[in-house]
Structures are given as C-alpha cells and as structure tokens.
Amino acid sequence: MSGGVYGGDEVGALVFDPGHSSLRVGYAGEDSPKFDVPSWVGVIEDQETNEKKYHIDTVALHVPRKGCEVVNYMKEGMIEDWDTFEKVLDYSYEKCIKSEAQYHPVLFSEATANNFLKESGVDIVPSYMVADKQSVKEGDRPKWTKKNNLVEVTPSWHNYMKREVVRDFQQTFTDSNPFTHTFIQEYGLERYRITESLFDPSYIKGVGSTMLGMSHVVSTSIGLCDIDLRPSLYSSVIVTGGNSLLNGYVERLNRDLSSRTPPNMRFKLISSTGTTERRFGSWIGGSILASLGSFQQMWISKQEYDESGKSQVERKCP
C-alpha cells in the first residue's frame, strides 16, 4: 500500500485502469494490480419489478443462468454504460479492496471480431455445452457429446462464452487442439497473417488502404508533433500493452521504425522484458505517479470538484 499523505492523513491511494477486456485494480506504489476484473457483466432483469441483478467477475459470470444477458460497459475505449460500471466499482471496493471509497483517493487511467474461424468452417462450442469428447484426425469433424438438461441461456451470454473460447485459442495458437470439442487443425501461414495484419492491414479483408500499420501510426504521430520534440520522441518509443507480447512484435516494430526514422535523428525502442510490465503498463504508470510525493498535493476532493468543477483539475494539474 502506498504511503501518501492527503489532508494530513496517511492514505492508501488506489489506481483503476478500465479497458475493454478488464478493469485493473490495485494500490498505488505496488508493482502490479491486485485484481483483474472482467469488463463483461451478467445482468438479469426482474420482469415484475424491473430491478437488475448483476453477476460480476469470472466465477459468477461463467455460470449459465436463464435470462442472463452479458454486457460490456466499454465502447471504443471509453466508458459508455455508467450504471453497469458503477456496479463493478462497488464490487471492486466491497470484494477486492474491502474498504469504502471515501477512505481512498483514486487515480483513473483514460484512453486517448475475428472472422477467421468462421471462414475456416470451425464451429465454436463453449465448454459449458460439452459433456464428453473424442480424439479425431486432423481436419475431421469434431466428435463430442452435448450435455443434458442445459440451462436456457441468453444469446449474449452464449456469445460471451464463445469469445472466451476464441481468446483461449489466441493464447494457445501453437497448440494443435485448443478447442473444447476436439476440433483439430494445424495452422501454419495463418498464424503469421493474423499478427502481420498489425503491420500490414491489407491482410484484413475489407480494410484496404483505409488503415495504417503499426510503424506507420508511430511515425505519423511523431510527425504531427512540434519539430523540436521529434528527436526526443524518436529516441524514446515505449512499447506496452497485451498485443506487444506477440512473438517477434518488438523486433518487427524496431526494424520497421528504424527504416522510417529520419537519418538526422537517433531512434531507440524501449520495451520491458517482463510479461506483467507490458500487459499492465498503463496501470503501473498510474501506480508510480500516484505514489510520488510531488503528486500528493494534486489530489482533488469531491468538495473541491463540486465547488469549481473541471477547472479544479486544470488548476492543480496544469
């Protein structure tokens, strides 16, 4: 726990890093978040009272329930469903932090469908439907037995569980059998085309030249900055985020950007070797910032915000 001082009192500052996949939660000054809560939430609405019951976090979310819709409070990197997000925050304080919000200053980060399997004729079957499965030869139809007395679930919950299967598939792509219902297929060139699309979007069907590759995005972004800042930006390109953990990502980005860097500027790519540091990079940055002694006078109380609004942010954090 961080040892910051706010209003004369010792406090444990919290850092929240919301994303489309999950909400990272933890104490400022620590190396990594304590909790990683899914951004997907199960919601059941009582037809008589119109009251909603929320099922939050991995264990509660993975239980099939009749009438349970699955929603995500994020859209395009921004919080859209604030009612659901507030429920996730309440859960984070009650079940994760186990403390009340009024006792902790909080720093929030703010953000500045895969058709391959369908086109390959692969049926995605969530694990909750599979009772038994048999080994098959490569390319053969899967042989599996469906569970009896399955709970009647909503399409949104079923689709969420299918996304979980695809996510596991992405993380175990070198395995010959990542599927829950014994479909077996060896992937060769396809493995490289998926990651290559990050650098050459022409591999993505229907995109054409409307999207920039990763190295192009970086060089264009730097080019839009003040000319005096460009040398320092080229000399400190920091790689972070889950996608950067792809095998060969850093080496490929380093090669492409080296060829795009003007000859009169020094290029340097900075990337952590640890998985945790790269995956939770934005959270860790907030953790370091919120634990600095010089940052403690920048906390804004609810009373201060109610009195001055967002101008208080500009005054304390110029």
C-alpha atoms as a PDB file:
ATOM      1  CA  MET A   1       0.000   0.000   0.000  1.00  0.00           C
ATOM      2  CA  SER A   2       1.275   3.466  -0.815  1.00  0.00           C
ATOM      3  CA  GLY A   3       2.226   5.819   1.989  1.00  0.00           C
ATOM      4  CA  GLY A   4       0.916   9.079   0.564  1.00  0.00           C
ATOM      5  CA  VAL A   5      -0.451  11.883   2.690  1.00  0.00           C
ATOM      6  CA  TYR A   6      -3.708  13.646   1.815  1.00  0.00           C
ATOM      7  CA  GLY A   7      -5.322  16.251   4.069  1.00  0.00           C
ATOM      8  CA  GLY A   8      -2.766  15.461   6.765  1.00  0.00           C
ATOM      9  CA  ASP A   9      -3.726  11.793   6.911  1.00  0.00           C
ATOM     10  CA  GLU A  10      -1.919   8.660   5.778  1.00  0.00           C
ATOM     11  CA  VAL A  11      -3.845   7.241   2.821  1.00  0.00           C
ATOM     12  CA  GLY A  12      -3.796   4.203   0.547  1.00  0.00           C
ATOM     13  CA  ALA A  13      -4.231   5.631  -2.942  1.00  0.00           C
ATOM     14  CA  LEU A  14      -5.899   3.363  -5.484  1.00  0.00           C
ATOM     15  CA  VAL A  15      -5.306   3.045  -9.220  1.00  0.00           C
ATOM     16  CA  PHE A  16      -8.093   1.953 -11.597  1.00  0.00           C
ATOM     17  CA  ASP A  17      -7.288   1.128 -15.227  1.00  0.00           C
ATOM     18  CA  PRO A  18     -10.510   0.354 -17.164  1.00  0.00           C
ATOM     19  CA  GLY A  19     -10.257  -1.417 -20.506  1.00  0.00           C
ATOM     20  CA  HIS A  20     -12.481  -3.295 -22.954  1.00  0.00           C
ATOM     21  CA  SER A  21     -11.260  -6.644 -21.608  1.00  0.00           C
ATOM     22  CA  SER A  22     -10.938  -5.946 -17.882  1.00  0.00           C
ATOM     23  CA  LEU A  23     -10.660  -3.418 -15.060  1.00  0.00           C
ATOM     24  CA  ARG A  24      -7.274  -3.477 -13.328  1.00  0.00           C
ATOM     25  CA  VAL A  25      -7.426  -2.505  -9.650  1.00  0.00           C
ATOM     26  CA  GLY A  26      -4.713  -2.069  -7.023  1.00  0.00           C
ATOM     27  CA  TYR A  27      -2.816   0.165  -4.625  1.00  0.00           C
ATOM     28  CA  ALA A  28      -0.501   2.912  -5.837  1.00  0.00           C
ATOM     29  CA  GLY A  29       3.173   2.136  -5.313  1.00  0.00           C
ATOM     30  CA  GLU A  30       2.827  -1.585  -5.980  1.00  0.00           C
ATOM     31  CA  ASP A  31       4.384  -3.431  -8.912  1.00  0.00           C
ATOM     32  CA  SER A  32       1.170  -4.806 -10.429  1.00  0.00           C
ATOM     33  CA  PRO A  33      -2.598  -4.626  -9.925  1.00  0.00           C
ATOM     34  CA  LYS A  34      -4.089  -6.816  -7.212  1.00  0.00           C
ATOM     35  CA  PHE A  35      -7.234  -7.597  -9.170  1.00  0.00           C
ATOM     36  CA  ASP A  36      -8.175  -8.031 -12.832  1.00  0.00           C
ATOM     37  CA  VAL A  37     -11.989  -7.847 -13.062  1.00  0.00           C
ATOM     38  CA  PRO A  38     -13.648  -8.651 -16.439  1.00  0.00           C
ATOM     39  CA  SER A  39     -15.400  -5.728 -18.145  1.00  0.00           C
ATOM     40  CA  TRP A  40     -18.154  -8.127 -19.203  1.00  0.00           C
ATOM     41  CA  VAL A  41     -21.017  -8.297 -16.708  1.00  0.00           C
ATOM     42  CA  GLY A  42     -24.011 -10.647 -16.482  1.00  0.00           C
ATOM     43  CA  VAL A  43     -27.334  -8.842 -15.974  1.00  0.00           C
ATOM     44  CA  ILE A  44     -30.701 -10.401 -15.066  1.00  0.00           C
ATOM     45  CA  GLU A  45     -33.728  -8.113 -15.026  1.00  0.00           C
ATOM     46  CA  ASP A  46     -36.786  -8.957 -12.931  1.00  0.00           C
ATOM     47  CA  GLN A  47     -39.784  -8.672 -15.271  1.00  0.00           C
ATOM     48  CA  GLU A  48     -42.147  -7.680 -12.451  1.00  0.00           C
ATOM     49  CA  THR A  49     -40.066  -5.110 -10.568  1.00  0.00           C
ATOM     50  CA  ASN A  50     -37.660  -4.142 -13.410  1.00  0.00           C
ATOM     51  CA  GLU A  51     -34.835  -4.448 -10.895  1.00  0.00           C
ATOM     52  CA  LYS A  52     -31.495  -5.694 -12.230  1.00  0.00           C
ATOM     53  CA  LYS A  53     -29.180  -8.234 -10.636  1.00  0.00           C
ATOM     54  CA  TYR A  54     -25.529  -8.076 -11.668  1.00  0.00           C
ATOM     55  CA  HIS A  55     -23.149 -11.028 -11.854  1.00  0.00           C
ATOM     56  CA  ILE A  56     -19.605  -9.699 -11.734  1.00  0.00           C
ATOM     57  CA  ASP A  57     -16.152 -11.311 -12.020  1.00  0.00           C
ATOM     58  CA  THR A  58     -15.026 -14.531 -13.646  1.00  0.00           C
ATOM     59  CA  VAL A  59     -16.624 -17.143 -11.377  1.00  0.00           C
ATOM     60  CA  ALA A  60     -20.086 -15.556 -11.256  1.00  0.00           C
ATOM     61  CA  LEU A  61     -20.025 -14.735 -14.959  1.00  0.00           C
ATOM     62  CA  HIS A  62     -19.195 -18.262 -16.127  1.00  0.00           C
ATOM     63  CA  VAL A  63     -22.258 -19.856 -14.519  1.00  0.00           C
ATOM     64  CA  PRO A  64     -25.079 -20.395 -17.080  1.00  0.00           C
ATOM     65  CA  ARG A  65     -28.278 -18.713 -15.871  1.00  0.00           C
ATOM     66  CA  LYS A  66     -31.639 -18.394 -17.560  1.00  0.00           C
ATOM     67  CA  GLY A  67     -32.331 -14.861 -18.785  1.00  0.00           C
ATOM     68  CA  CYS A  68     -28.799 -13.596 -18.077  1.00  0.00           C
ATOM     69  CA  GLU A  69     -27.646 -11.023 -20.626  1.00  0.00           C
ATOM     70  CA  VAL A  70     -23.929 -10.233 -20.919  1.00  0.00           C
ATOM     71  CA  VAL A  71     -22.965  -6.581 -21.446  1.00  0.00           C
ATOM     72  CA  ASN A  72     -19.735  -4.593 -21.601  1.00  0.00           C
ATOM     73  CA  TYR A  73     -19.650  -1.087 -20.127  1.00  0.00           C
ATOM     74  CA  MET A  74     -16.840  -0.033 -22.507  1.00  0.00           C
ATOM     75  CA  LYS A  75     -17.145   1.094 -26.120  1.00  0.00           C
ATOM     76  CA  GLU A  76     -14.247   2.239 -28.283  1.00  0.00           C
ATOM     77  CA  GLY A  77     -12.007   2.709 -25.253  1.00  0.00           C
ATOM     78  CA  MET A  78     -14.476   4.857 -23.306  1.00  0.00           C
ATOM     79  CA  ILE A  79     -16.983   4.049 -20.561  1.00  0.00           C
ATOM     80  CA  GLU A  80     -20.481   4.049 -22.092  1.00  0.00           C
ATOM     81  CA  ASP A  81     -22.691   2.163 -19.618  1.00  0.00           C
ATOM     82  CA  TRP A  82     -22.102   4.068 -16.392  1.00  0.00           C
ATOM     83  CA  ASP A  83     -24.769   2.203 -14.400  1.00  0.00           C
ATOM     84  CA  THR A  84     -23.024  -1.120 -15.001  1.00  0.00           C
ATOM     85  CA  PHE A  85     -19.592   0.416 -14.437  1.00  0.00           C
ATOM     86  CA  GLU A  86     -20.703   1.772 -11.049  1.00  0.00           C
ATOM     87  CA  LYS A  87     -21.788  -1.732 -10.049  1.00  0.00           C
ATOM     88  CA  VAL A  88     -18.338  -3.051 -10.989  1.00  0.00           C
ATOM     89  CA  LEU A  89     -16.738  -0.268  -8.915  1.00  0.00           C
ATOM     90  CA  ASP A  90     -18.962  -1.157  -5.941  1.00  0.00           C
ATOM     91  CA  TYR A  91     -17.875  -4.780  -6.336  1.00  0.00           C
ATOM     92  CA  SER A  92     -14.214  -3.741  -6.520  1.00  0.00           C
ATOM     93  CA  TYR A  93     -14.426  -1.824  -3.246  1.00  0.00           C
ATOM     94  CA  GLU A  94     -16.520  -4.399  -1.424  1.00  0.00           C
ATOM     95  CA  LYS A  95     -14.989  -7.683  -2.589  1.00  0.00           C
ATOM     96  CA  CYS A  96     -11.492  -6.734  -3.787  1.00  0.00           C
ATOM     97  CA  ILE A  97     -10.244  -3.731  -1.836  1.00  0.00           C
ATOM     98  CA  LYS A  98     -12.614  -4.498   1.080  1.00  0.00           C
ATOM     99  CA  SER A  99     -12.788  -0.866   2.077  1.00  0.00           C
ATOM    100  CA  GLU A 100     -15.029   2.139   1.485  1.00  0.00           C
ATOM    101  CA  ALA A 101     -14.373   4.575  -1.363  1.00  0.00           C
ATOM    102  CA  GLN A 102     -14.335   7.621   0.940  1.00  0.00           C
ATOM    103  CA  TYR A 103     -11.086   6.465   2.542  1.00  0.00           C
ATOM    104  CA  HIS A 104      -9.012   6.325  -0.656  1.00  0.00           C
ATOM    105  CA  PRO A 105      -8.005   8.884  -3.271  1.00  0.00           C
ATOM    106  CA  VAL A 106      -8.256   7.312  -6.732  1.00  0.00           C
ATOM    107  CA  LEU A 107      -6.305   7.753  -9.951  1.00  0.00           C
ATOM    108  CA  PHE A 108      -8.075   6.634 -13.143  1.00  0.00           C
ATOM    109  CA  SER A 109      -6.405   5.974 -16.473  1.00  0.00           C
ATOM    110  CA  GLU A 110      -8.124   7.262 -19.605  1.00  0.00           C
ATOM    111  CA  ALA A 111      -7.755   6.003 -23.126  1.00  0.00           C
ATOM    112  CA  THR A 112      -6.563   8.551 -25.675  1.00  0.00           C
ATOM    113  CA  ALA A 113     -14.463  -9.561 -34.472  1.00  0.00           C
ATOM    114  CA  ASN A 114     -12.462 -12.013 -35.777  1.00  0.00           C
ATOM    115  CA  ASN A 115     -13.988 -13.803 -38.881  1.00  0.00           C
ATOM    116  CA  PHE A 116     -11.070 -16.190 -39.478  1.00  0.00           C
ATOM    117  CA  LEU A 117     -12.553 -19.178 -37.632  1.00  0.00           C
ATOM    118  CA  LYS A 118     -15.979 -18.732 -39.219  1.00  0.00           C
ATOM    119  CA  GLU A 119     -14.466 -18.634 -42.702  1.00  0.00           C
ATOM    120  CA  SER A 120     -12.477 -21.789 -41.914  1.00  0.00           C
ATOM    121  CA  GLY A 121     -15.680 -23.679 -41.134  1.00  0.00           C
ATOM    122  CA  VAL A 122     -14.863 -24.052 -37.431  1.00  0.00           C
ATOM    123  CA  ASP A 123     -17.833 -24.322 -35.081  1.00  0.00           C
ATOM    124  CA  ILE A 124     -17.103 -22.586 -31.785  1.00  0.00           C
ATOM    125  CA  VAL A 125     -18.624 -24.577 -28.927  1.00  0.00           C
ATOM    126  CA  PRO A 126     -18.383 -23.203 -25.360  1.00  0.00           C
ATOM    127  CA  SER A 127     -17.203 -25.629 -22.686  1.00  0.00           C
ATOM    128  CA  TYR A 128     -20.466 -25.429 -20.722  1.00  0.00           C
ATOM    129  CA  MET A 129     -22.179 -27.398 -23.530  1.00  0.00           C
ATOM    130  CA  VAL A 130     -19.636 -30.250 -23.771  1.00  0.00           C
ATOM    131  CA  ALA A 131     -20.195 -33.393 -21.700  1.00  0.00           C
ATOM    132  CA  ASP A 132     -17.632 -35.612 -23.434  1.00  0.00           C
ATOM    133  CA  LYS A 133     -15.341 -35.559 -26.480  1.00  0.00           C
ATOM    134  CA  GLN A 134     -13.273 -37.989 -28.546  1.00  0.00           C
ATOM    135  CA  SER A 135      -9.970 -37.636 -30.362  1.00  0.00           C
ATOM    136  CA  VAL A 136     -10.205 -37.199 -34.131  1.00  0.00           C
ATOM    137  CA  LYS A 137      -7.755 -36.897 -37.017  1.00  0.00           C
ATOM    138  CA  GLU A 138      -6.652 -33.529 -38.326  1.00  0.00           C
ATOM    139  CA  GLY A 139      -9.353 -31.865 -40.430  1.00  0.00           C
ATOM    140  CA  ASP A 140     -12.107 -34.327 -39.398  1.00  0.00           C
ATOM    141  CA  ARG A 141     -15.354 -33.142 -37.884  1.00  0.00           C
ATOM    142  CA  PRO A 142     -15.216 -33.000 -34.095  1.00  0.00           C
ATOM    143  CA  LYS A 143     -16.898 -35.747 -32.084  1.00  0.00           C
ATOM    144  CA  TRP A 144     -18.439 -34.518 -28.884  1.00  0.00           C
ATOM    145  CA  THR A 145     -21.455 -35.155 -26.693  1.00  0.00           C
ATOM    146  CA  LYS A 146     -23.765 -32.374 -25.655  1.00  0.00           C
ATOM    147  CA  LYS A 147     -24.715 -32.053 -22.012  1.00  0.00           C
ATOM    148  CA  ASN A 148     -28.232 -32.958 -20.990  1.00  0.00           C
ATOM    149  CA  ASN A 149     -30.563 -30.511 -19.230  1.00  0.00           C
ATOM    150  CA  LEU A 150     -28.650 -27.431 -20.257  1.00  0.00           C
ATOM    151  CA  VAL A 151     -29.755 -24.190 -18.643  1.00  0.00           C
ATOM    152  CA  GLU A 152     -31.601 -21.909 -21.070  1.00  0.00           C
ATOM    153  CA  VAL A 153     -29.157 -19.036 -21.551  1.00  0.00           C
ATOM    154  CA  THR A 154     -29.406 -15.774 -23.474  1.00  0.00           C
ATOM    155  CA  PRO A 155     -27.627 -15.230 -26.815  1.00  0.00           C
ATOM    156  CA  SER A 156     -25.368 -12.575 -25.254  1.00  0.00           C
ATOM    157  CA  TRP A 157     -24.123 -14.969 -22.530  1.00  0.00           C
ATOM    158  CA  HIS A 158     -23.625 -17.768 -25.072  1.00  0.00           C
ATOM    159  CA  ASN A 159     -21.666 -15.399 -27.348  1.00  0.00           C
ATOM    160  CA  TYR A 160     -19.542 -14.265 -24.405  1.00  0.00           C
ATOM    161  CA  MET A 161     -18.563 -17.869 -23.688  1.00  0.00           C
ATOM    162  CA  LYS A 162     -17.711 -18.333 -27.389  1.00  0.00           C
ATOM    163  CA  ARG A 163     -15.453 -15.271 -27.157  1.00  0.00           C
ATOM    164  CA  GLU A 164     -13.726 -16.917 -24.193  1.00  0.00           C
ATOM    165  CA  VAL A 165     -13.027 -19.973 -26.380  1.00  0.00           C
ATOM    166  CA  VAL A 166     -11.562 -17.736 -29.093  1.00  0.00           C
ATOM    167  CA  ARG A 167      -9.456 -15.894 -26.505  1.00  0.00           C
ATOM    168  CA  ASP A 168      -8.039 -19.197 -25.273  1.00  0.00           C
ATOM    169  CA  PHE A 169      -7.419 -20.140 -28.908  1.00  0.00           C
ATOM    170  CA  GLN A 170      -5.424 -16.937 -29.446  1.00  0.00           C
ATOM    171  CA  GLN A 171      -3.304 -17.595 -26.368  1.00  0.00           C
ATOM    172  CA  THR A 172      -2.589 -21.231 -27.287  1.00  0.00           C
ATOM    173  CA  PHE A 173      -2.244 -20.857 -31.045  1.00  0.00           C
ATOM    174  CA  THR A 174       0.812 -23.100 -31.151  1.00  0.00           C
ATOM    175  CA  ASP A 175      -1.256 -25.964 -29.734  1.00  0.00           C
ATOM    176  CA  SER A 176      -2.851 -28.342 -32.230  1.00  0.00           C
ATOM    177  CA  ASN A 177      -6.043 -28.717 -30.168  1.00  0.00           C
ATOM    178  CA  PRO A 178      -7.102 -25.565 -28.286  1.00  0.00           C
ATOM    179  CA  PHE A 179     -10.832 -26.184 -28.778  1.00  0.00           C
ATOM    180  CA  THR A 180     -13.162 -27.624 -26.175  1.00  0.00           C
ATOM    181  CA  HIS A 181     -14.920 -30.026 -28.586  1.00  0.00           C
ATOM    182  CA  THR A 182     -11.852 -31.825 -30.112  1.00  0.00           C
ATOM    183  CA  PHE A 183     -11.629 -29.990 -33.463  1.00  0.00           C
ATOM    184  CA  ILE A 184      -8.034 -30.455 -34.625  1.00  0.00           C
ATOM    185  CA  GLN A 185      -6.298 -28.353 -37.256  1.00  0.00           C
ATOM    186  CA  GLU A 186      -2.646 -27.476 -37.744  1.00  0.00           C
ATOM    187  CA  TYR A 187      -2.119 -23.785 -38.531  1.00  0.00           C
ATOM    188  CA  GLY A 188       0.957 -22.535 -40.354  1.00  0.00           C
ATOM    189  CA  LEU A 189       0.774 -19.478 -42.583  1.00  0.00           C
ATOM    190  CA  GLU A 190      -2.438 -18.330 -40.862  1.00  0.00           C
ATOM    191  CA  ARG A 191      -0.575 -17.794 -37.604  1.00  0.00           C
ATOM    192  CA  TYR A 192       1.634 -15.197 -39.242  1.00  0.00           C
ATOM    193  CA  ARG A 193      -1.091 -13.492 -41.257  1.00  0.00           C
ATOM    194  CA  ILE A 194      -3.043 -12.647 -38.101  1.00  0.00           C
ATOM    195  CA  THR A 195      -0.122 -10.860 -36.453  1.00  0.00           C
ATOM    196  CA  GLU A 196       1.176  -9.455 -39.746  1.00  0.00           C
ATOM    197  CA  SER A 197      -2.088  -7.511 -40.113  1.00  0.00           C
ATOM    198  CA  LEU A 198      -0.888  -5.251 -37.274  1.00  0.00           C
ATOM    199  CA  PHE A 199       1.916  -4.057 -39.533  1.00  0.00           C
ATOM    200  CA  ASP A 200       0.245  -4.558 -42.923  1.00  0.00           C
ATOM    201  CA  PRO A 201      -3.552  -4.028 -42.655  1.00  0.00           C
ATOM    202  CA  SER A 202      -4.035  -5.175 -46.262  1.00  0.00           C
ATOM    203  CA  TYR A 203      -4.266  -8.701 -44.823  1.00  0.00           C
ATOM    204  CA  ILE A 204      -7.570  -7.690 -43.202  1.00  0.00           C
ATOM    205  CA  LYS A 205     -10.429  -8.270 -45.616  1.00  0.00           C
ATOM    206  CA  GLY A 206     -12.441  -5.178 -46.472  1.00  0.00           C
ATOM    207  CA  VAL A 207      -9.945  -2.722 -44.984  1.00  0.00           C
ATOM    208  CA  GLY A 208      -7.715  -1.959 -47.959  1.00  0.00           C
ATOM    209  CA  SER A 209      -5.685   1.217 -47.525  1.00  0.00           C
ATOM    210  CA  THR A 210      -8.032   2.844 -45.009  1.00  0.00           C
ATOM    211  CA  MET A 211      -5.985   1.698 -42.009  1.00  0.00           C
ATOM    212  CA  LEU A 212      -2.365   2.409 -41.071  1.00  0.00           C
ATOM    213  CA  GLY A 213       0.098  -0.223 -39.930  1.00  0.00           C
ATOM    214  CA  MET A 214       1.744  -0.025 -36.512  1.00  0.00           C
ATOM    215  CA  SER A 215       5.034   1.532 -37.625  1.00  0.00           C
ATOM    216  CA  HIS A 216       3.161   3.986 -39.857  1.00  0.00           C
ATOM    217  CA  VAL A 217       0.979   5.054 -36.904  1.00  0.00           C
ATOM    218  CA  VAL A 218       4.046   5.752 -34.749  1.00  0.00           C
ATOM    219  CA  SER A 219       5.969   7.698 -37.380  1.00  0.00           C
ATOM    220  CA  THR A 220       2.871   9.691 -38.395  1.00  0.00           C
ATOM    221  CA  SER A 221       2.080  10.556 -34.774  1.00  0.00           C
ATOM    222  CA  ILE A 222       5.606  11.824 -34.195  1.00  0.00           C
ATOM    223  CA  GLY A 223       5.465  13.775 -37.464  1.00  0.00           C
ATOM    224  CA  LEU A 224       2.356  15.622 -36.252  1.00  0.00           C
ATOM    225  CA  CYS A 225       4.209  16.887 -33.159  1.00  0.00           C
ATOM    226  CA  ASP A 226       6.314  20.040 -32.908  1.00  0.00           C
ATOM    227  CA  ILE A 227       9.535  19.686 -34.878  1.00  0.00           C
ATOM    228  CA  ASP A 228      11.642  20.431 -31.784  1.00  0.00           C
ATOM    229  CA  LEU A 229      10.077  17.475 -29.937  1.00  0.00           C
ATOM    230  CA  ARG A 230      10.590  14.883 -32.648  1.00  0.00           C
ATOM    231  CA  PRO A 231      14.212  13.951 -31.811  1.00  0.00           C
ATOM    232  CA  SER A 232      13.311  13.145 -28.189  1.00  0.00           C
ATOM    233  CA  LEU A 233      10.206  11.200 -29.270  1.00  0.00           C
ATOM    234  CA  TYR A 234      12.134   9.065 -31.758  1.00  0.00           C
ATOM    235  CA  SER A 235      14.755   8.337 -29.088  1.00  0.00           C
ATOM    236  CA  SER A 236      12.191   7.061 -26.543  1.00  0.00           C
ATOM    237  CA  VAL A 237       9.488   4.976 -28.229  1.00  0.00           C
ATOM    238  CA  ILE A 238       7.978   2.860 -25.428  1.00  0.00           C
ATOM    239  CA  VAL A 239       6.251  -0.454 -26.220  1.00  0.00           C
ATOM    240  CA  THR A 240       3.474  -1.595 -23.884  1.00  0.00           C
ATOM    241  CA  GLY A 241       0.134  -3.407 -23.962  1.00  0.00           C
ATOM    242  CA  GLY A 242      -1.008  -7.009 -24.410  1.00  0.00           C
ATOM    243  CA  ASN A 243      -0.500  -7.117 -28.188  1.00  0.00           C
ATOM    244  CA  SER A 244       3.178  -6.294 -27.734  1.00  0.00           C
ATOM    245  CA  LEU A 245       3.608  -9.749 -26.146  1.00  0.00           C
ATOM    246  CA  LEU A 246       3.154 -11.400 -29.544  1.00  0.00           C
ATOM    247  CA  ASN A 247       6.253 -13.327 -30.536  1.00  0.00           C
ATOM    248  CA  GLY A 248       8.568 -11.121 -32.612  1.00  0.00           C
ATOM    249  CA  TYR A 249       6.435  -7.980 -32.205  1.00  0.00           C
ATOM    250  CA  VAL A 250       9.175  -5.803 -30.715  1.00  0.00           C
ATOM    251  CA  GLU A 251      11.805  -6.935 -33.231  1.00  0.00           C
ATOM    252  CA  ARG A 252       9.484  -6.275 -36.183  1.00  0.00           C
ATOM    253  CA  LEU A 253       8.453  -2.834 -34.908  1.00  0.00           C
ATOM    254  CA  ASN A 254      12.097  -1.955 -34.265  1.00  0.00           C
ATOM    255  CA  ARG A 255      13.058  -2.927 -37.832  1.00  0.00           C
ATOM    256  CA  ASP A 256      10.190  -1.043 -39.481  1.00  0.00           C
ATOM    257  CA  LEU A 257      10.645   2.122 -37.423  1.00  0.00           C
ATOM    258  CA  SER A 258      14.404   2.122 -37.978  1.00  0.00           C
ATOM    259  CA  SER A 259      13.788   2.400 -41.703  1.00  0.00           C
ATOM    260  CA  ARG A 260      11.250   5.218 -41.192  1.00  0.00           C
ATOM    261  CA  THR A 261      13.362   7.315 -38.824  1.00  0.00           C
ATOM    262  CA  PRO A 262      14.962  10.380 -40.485  1.00  0.00           C
ATOM    263  CA  PRO A 263      18.747   9.951 -40.858  1.00  0.00           C
ATOM    264  CA  ASN A 264      19.467  13.017 -38.685  1.00  0.00           C
ATOM    265  CA  MET A 265      17.618  11.540 -35.680  1.00  0.00           C
ATOM    266  CA  ARG A 266      18.539   8.805 -33.223  1.00  0.00           C
ATOM    267  CA  PHE A 267      15.975   6.032 -32.840  1.00  0.00           C
ATOM    268  CA  LYS A 268      15.546   3.935 -29.694  1.00  0.00           C
ATOM    269  CA  LEU A 269      12.805   1.438 -28.847  1.00  0.00           C
ATOM    270  CA  ILE A 270      12.190   0.777 -25.150  1.00  0.00           C
ATOM    271  CA  SER A 271      10.371  -2.385 -24.074  1.00  0.00           C
ATOM    272  CA  SER A 272      10.223  -4.312 -20.836  1.00  0.00           C
ATOM    273  CA  THR A 273      11.182  -7.977 -20.975  1.00  0.00           C
ATOM    274  CA  GLY A 274       8.592  -8.932 -18.361  1.00  0.00           C
ATOM    275  CA  THR A 275       5.067 -10.013 -19.311  1.00  0.00           C
ATOM    276  CA  THR A 276       3.445  -8.268 -16.324  1.00  0.00           C
ATOM    277  CA  GLU A 277       5.152  -4.935 -17.003  1.00  0.00           C
ATOM    278  CA  ARG A 278       3.984  -4.905 -20.594  1.00  0.00           C
ATOM    279  CA  ARG A 279       0.439  -6.159 -20.032  1.00  0.00           C
ATOM    280  CA  PHE A 280      -0.267  -3.785 -17.141  1.00  0.00           C
ATOM    281  CA  GLY A 281       1.889  -0.903 -18.374  1.00  0.00           C
ATOM    282  CA  SER A 282      -0.753   1.834 -18.046  1.00  0.00           C
ATOM    283  CA  TRP A 283      -1.738   0.665 -14.561  1.00  0.00           C
ATOM    284  CA  ILE A 284       1.886   0.547 -13.406  1.00  0.00           C
ATOM    285  CA  GLY A 285       2.428   4.071 -14.756  1.00  0.00           C
ATOM    286  CA  GLY A 286      -0.521   5.288 -12.707  1.00  0.00           C
ATOM    287  CA  SER A 287       0.783   3.390  -9.673  1.00  0.00           C
ATOM    288  CA  ILE A 288       4.151   5.158  -9.892  1.00  0.00           C
ATOM    289  CA  LEU A 289       2.572   8.576 -10.465  1.00  0.00           C
ATOM    290  CA  ALA A 290       0.087   8.290  -7.590  1.00  0.00           C
ATOM    291  CA  SER A 291       2.837   7.249  -5.155  1.00  0.00           C
ATOM    292  CA  LEU A 292       5.142  10.201  -5.858  1.00  0.00           C
ATOM    293  CA  GLY A 293       5.466  12.746  -3.071  1.00  0.00           C
ATOM    294  CA  SER A 294       5.146  15.603  -5.550  1.00  0.00           C
ATOM    295  CA  PHE A 295       1.765  14.235  -6.700  1.00  0.00           C
ATOM    296  CA  GLN A 296       0.093  14.223  -3.293  1.00  0.00           C
ATOM    297  CA  GLN A 297      -0.955  17.892  -3.451  1.00  0.00           C
ATOM    298  CA  MET A 298      -2.685  17.212  -6.769  1.00  0.00           C
ATOM    299  CA  TRP A 299      -5.472  15.047  -5.328  1.00  0.00           C
ATOM    300  CA  ILE A 300      -8.883  16.673  -5.812  1.00  0.00           C
ATOM    301  CA  SER A 301     -11.575  16.146  -3.180  1.00  0.00           C
ATOM    302  CA  LYS A 302     -15.263  15.806  -4.009  1.00  0.00           C
ATOM    303  CA  GLN A 303     -15.916  19.100  -2.217  1.00  0.00           C
ATOM    304  CA  GLU A 304     -13.312  20.893  -4.338  1.00  0.00           C
ATOM    305  CA  TYR A 305     -14.765  19.433  -7.535  1.00  0.00           C
ATOM    306  CA  ASP A 306     -18.331  20.371  -6.518  1.00  0.00           C
ATOM    307  CA  GLU A 307     -17.196  23.956  -5.912  1.00  0.00           C
ATOM    308  CA  SER A 308     -15.105  24.543  -9.034  1.00  0.00           C
ATOM    309  CA  GLY A 309     -15.853  21.704 -11.447  1.00  0.00           C
ATOM    310  CA  LYS A 310     -13.266  20.623 -14.026  1.00  0.00           C
ATOM    311  CA  SER A 311     -11.381  23.925 -13.667  1.00  0.00           C
ATOM    312  CA  GLN A 312     -10.035  22.445 -10.429  1.00  0.00           C
ATOM    313  CA  VAL A 313      -8.272  19.763 -12.477  1.00  0.00           C
ATOM    314  CA  GLU A 314      -6.640  22.393 -14.693  1.00  0.00           C
ATOM    315  CA  ARG A 315      -5.561  24.397 -11.644  1.00  0.00           C
ATOM    316  CA  LYS A 316      -3.984  21.516  -9.720  1.00  0.00           C
ATOM    317  CA  CYS A 317      -2.652  19.588 -12.711  1.00  0.00           C
ATOM    318  CA  PRO A 318      -1.567  22.262 -15.223  1.00  0.00           C
END
